[in-house]
């Protein structure tokens, strides 16, 4: 399974608003911890090691 880098989220603005709202009221440390937990949950959901490695490389480039 290759990494999909094309827009693929239904209602991306709504998702972005939801993501920002999830951080509302959190300190910087709490927000960082939230992001780490979210990343690990989504990585577990994806599960494919090659896709996760490709995502790490793509995130580093951008």
N, C-alpha and C. Protein backbone atom coordinates (compact mmCIF):
# COMPACT_ATOMS: atom_id res chain seq x y z
N UNK A 1 0.84 -1.18 0.00
CA UNK A 1 0.00 0.00 0.00
C UNK A 1 0.89 1.24 0.00
N UNK A 2 0.75 2.08 -1.02
CA UNK A 2 1.53 3.30 -1.10
C UNK A 2 0.91 4.41 -0.26
N UNK A 3 1.70 5.41 -0.03
CA UNK A 3 1.25 6.55 0.77
C UNK A 3 0.46 7.51 -0.10
N UNK A 4 -0.76 7.83 0.31
CA UNK A 4 -1.62 8.76 -0.42
C UNK A 4 -1.37 10.17 0.09
N UNK A 5 -0.78 11.02 -0.75
CA UNK A 5 -0.50 12.40 -0.36
C UNK A 5 -1.46 13.40 -1.01
N UNK A 6 -2.45 12.89 -1.74
CA UNK A 6 -3.44 13.78 -2.34
C UNK A 6 -4.56 14.02 -1.32
N UNK A 7 -5.21 15.19 -1.39
CA UNK A 7 -6.31 15.46 -0.44
C UNK A 7 -7.32 14.32 -0.44
N UNK A 8 -7.66 13.83 0.76
CA UNK A 8 -8.49 12.64 0.87
C UNK A 8 -9.42 12.68 2.08
N UNK A 9 -9.58 13.84 2.70
CA UNK A 9 -10.42 13.94 3.89
C UNK A 9 -11.72 14.62 3.52
N UNK A 10 -12.83 13.96 3.80
CA UNK A 10 -14.14 14.59 3.60
C UNK A 10 -14.24 15.76 4.57
N UNK A 11 -14.68 16.91 4.09
CA UNK A 11 -14.83 18.11 4.92
C UNK A 11 -13.52 18.45 5.64
N UNK A 12 -12.45 18.74 4.89
CA UNK A 12 -11.17 19.02 5.54
C UNK A 12 -11.21 20.23 6.47
N UNK A 13 -11.99 21.26 6.12
CA UNK A 13 -12.09 22.42 7.00
C UNK A 13 -12.76 22.06 8.32
N UNK A 14 -13.79 21.24 8.24
CA UNK A 14 -14.47 20.78 9.45
C UNK A 14 -13.55 19.95 10.32
N UNK A 15 -12.74 19.08 9.68
CA UNK A 15 -11.79 18.28 10.45
C UNK A 15 -10.75 19.16 11.11
N UNK A 16 -10.25 20.16 10.37
CA UNK A 16 -9.25 21.08 10.94
C UNK A 16 -9.83 21.81 12.14
N UNK A 17 -11.06 22.29 12.02
CA UNK A 17 -11.72 22.96 13.15
C UNK A 17 -11.84 22.02 14.35
N UNK A 18 -12.21 20.75 14.08
CA UNK A 18 -12.34 19.77 15.15
C UNK A 18 -11.00 19.51 15.83
N UNK A 19 -9.95 19.43 15.02
CA UNK A 19 -8.61 19.21 15.55
C UNK A 19 -8.18 20.38 16.43
N UNK A 20 -8.41 21.60 15.96
CA UNK A 20 -8.07 22.77 16.77
C UNK A 20 -8.89 22.80 18.06
N UNK A 21 -10.16 22.48 17.97
CA UNK A 21 -11.03 22.46 19.15
C UNK A 21 -10.56 21.43 20.18
N UNK A 22 -10.02 20.32 19.71
CA UNK A 22 -9.54 19.28 20.62
C UNK A 22 -8.38 19.78 21.48
N UNK A 23 -7.67 20.80 20.99
CA UNK A 23 -6.53 21.36 21.72
C UNK A 23 -6.92 22.54 22.60
N UNK A 24 -8.15 23.00 22.47
CA UNK A 24 -8.60 24.17 23.23
C UNK A 24 -8.47 23.93 24.73
N UNK A 25 -7.84 24.87 25.42
CA UNK A 25 -7.68 24.78 26.86
C UNK A 25 -6.51 23.94 27.33
N UNK A 26 -5.79 23.32 26.41
CA UNK A 26 -4.63 22.51 26.79
C UNK A 26 -3.38 23.37 26.87
N UNK A 27 -2.51 23.04 27.78
CA UNK A 27 -1.20 23.70 27.83
C UNK A 27 -0.36 23.18 26.66
N UNK A 28 0.79 23.78 26.43
CA UNK A 28 1.68 23.33 25.35
C UNK A 28 2.08 21.87 25.57
N UNK A 29 2.42 21.52 26.80
CA UNK A 29 2.81 20.13 27.09
C UNK A 29 1.64 19.17 26.89
N UNK A 30 0.45 19.56 27.33
CA UNK A 30 -0.74 18.72 27.14
C UNK A 30 -1.07 18.58 25.66
N UNK A 31 -0.93 19.66 24.91
CA UNK A 31 -1.18 19.63 23.48
C UNK A 31 -0.19 18.72 22.76
N UNK A 32 1.07 18.81 23.14
CA UNK A 32 2.10 17.93 22.55
C UNK A 32 1.80 16.47 22.87
N UNK A 33 1.38 16.19 24.10
CA UNK A 33 1.06 14.82 24.49
C UNK A 33 -0.17 14.32 23.74
N UNK A 34 -1.15 15.19 23.56
CA UNK A 34 -2.35 14.84 22.79
C UNK A 34 -1.95 14.47 21.36
N UNK A 35 -1.10 15.30 20.73
CA UNK A 35 -0.66 15.01 19.37
C UNK A 35 0.08 13.68 19.29
N UNK A 36 0.91 13.39 20.28
CA UNK A 36 1.65 12.12 20.28
C UNK A 36 0.69 10.94 20.40
N UNK A 37 -0.31 11.05 21.29
CA UNK A 37 -1.29 9.95 21.42
C UNK A 37 -2.09 9.78 20.13
N UNK A 38 -2.50 10.90 19.54
CA UNK A 38 -3.27 10.83 18.29
C UNK A 38 -2.45 10.18 17.18
N UNK A 39 -1.18 10.56 17.07
CA UNK A 39 -0.31 9.98 16.05
C UNK A 39 -0.18 8.47 16.25
N UNK A 40 0.01 8.03 17.49
CA UNK A 40 0.16 6.60 17.75
C UNK A 40 -1.13 5.83 17.49
N UNK A 41 -2.27 6.43 17.82
CA UNK A 41 -3.56 5.79 17.53
C UNK A 41 -3.74 5.62 16.03
N UNK A 42 -3.45 6.68 15.26
CA UNK A 42 -3.61 6.60 13.81
C UNK A 42 -2.58 5.67 13.18
N UNK A 43 -1.35 5.67 13.70
CA UNK A 43 -0.33 4.75 13.20
C UNK A 43 -0.75 3.30 13.43
N UNK A 44 -1.31 3.04 14.60
CA UNK A 44 -1.79 1.69 14.89
C UNK A 44 -2.92 1.30 13.94
N UNK A 45 -3.79 2.25 13.65
CA UNK A 45 -4.90 1.98 12.74
C UNK A 45 -4.38 1.65 11.33
N UNK A 46 -3.39 2.40 10.88
CA UNK A 46 -2.80 2.15 9.55
C UNK A 46 -2.10 0.80 9.57
N UNK A 47 -1.24 0.60 10.54
CA UNK A 47 -0.62 -0.69 10.76
C UNK A 47 0.49 -1.10 9.80
N UNK A 48 0.44 -0.66 8.57
CA UNK A 48 1.42 -1.09 7.57
C UNK A 48 2.73 -0.34 7.78
N UNK A 49 3.78 -1.09 8.11
CA UNK A 49 5.07 -0.49 8.46
C UNK A 49 5.68 0.32 7.32
N UNK A 50 5.55 -0.16 6.09
CA UNK A 50 6.11 0.57 4.95
C UNK A 50 5.40 1.91 4.75
N UNK A 51 4.09 1.92 4.92
CA UNK A 51 3.32 3.15 4.80
C UNK A 51 3.71 4.13 5.91
N UNK A 52 3.88 3.62 7.11
CA UNK A 52 4.28 4.48 8.23
C UNK A 52 5.67 5.07 8.00
N UNK A 53 6.59 4.28 7.48
CA UNK A 53 7.93 4.78 7.17
C UNK A 53 7.88 5.86 6.10
N UNK A 54 7.06 5.63 5.08
CA UNK A 54 6.91 6.64 4.02
C UNK A 54 6.31 7.93 4.57
N UNK A 55 5.37 7.82 5.51
CA UNK A 55 4.77 9.00 6.11
C UNK A 55 5.79 9.77 6.94
N UNK A 56 6.63 9.07 7.67
CA UNK A 56 7.68 9.74 8.44
C UNK A 56 8.62 10.53 7.53
N UNK A 57 9.00 9.92 6.42
CA UNK A 57 9.88 10.60 5.46
C UNK A 57 9.18 11.79 4.82
N UNK A 58 7.91 11.64 4.45
CA UNK A 58 7.16 12.73 3.82
C UNK A 58 6.98 13.90 4.79
N UNK A 59 6.73 13.61 6.05
CA UNK A 59 6.55 14.66 7.03
C UNK A 59 7.84 15.42 7.27
N UNK A 60 8.94 14.74 7.19
CA UNK A 60 10.25 15.38 7.39
C UNK A 60 10.55 16.35 6.26
N UNK A 61 10.10 16.03 5.05
CA UNK A 61 10.36 16.87 3.87
C UNK A 61 9.52 18.14 3.85
N UNK A 62 8.32 18.09 4.47
CA UNK A 62 7.41 19.23 4.34
C UNK A 62 7.53 20.24 5.45
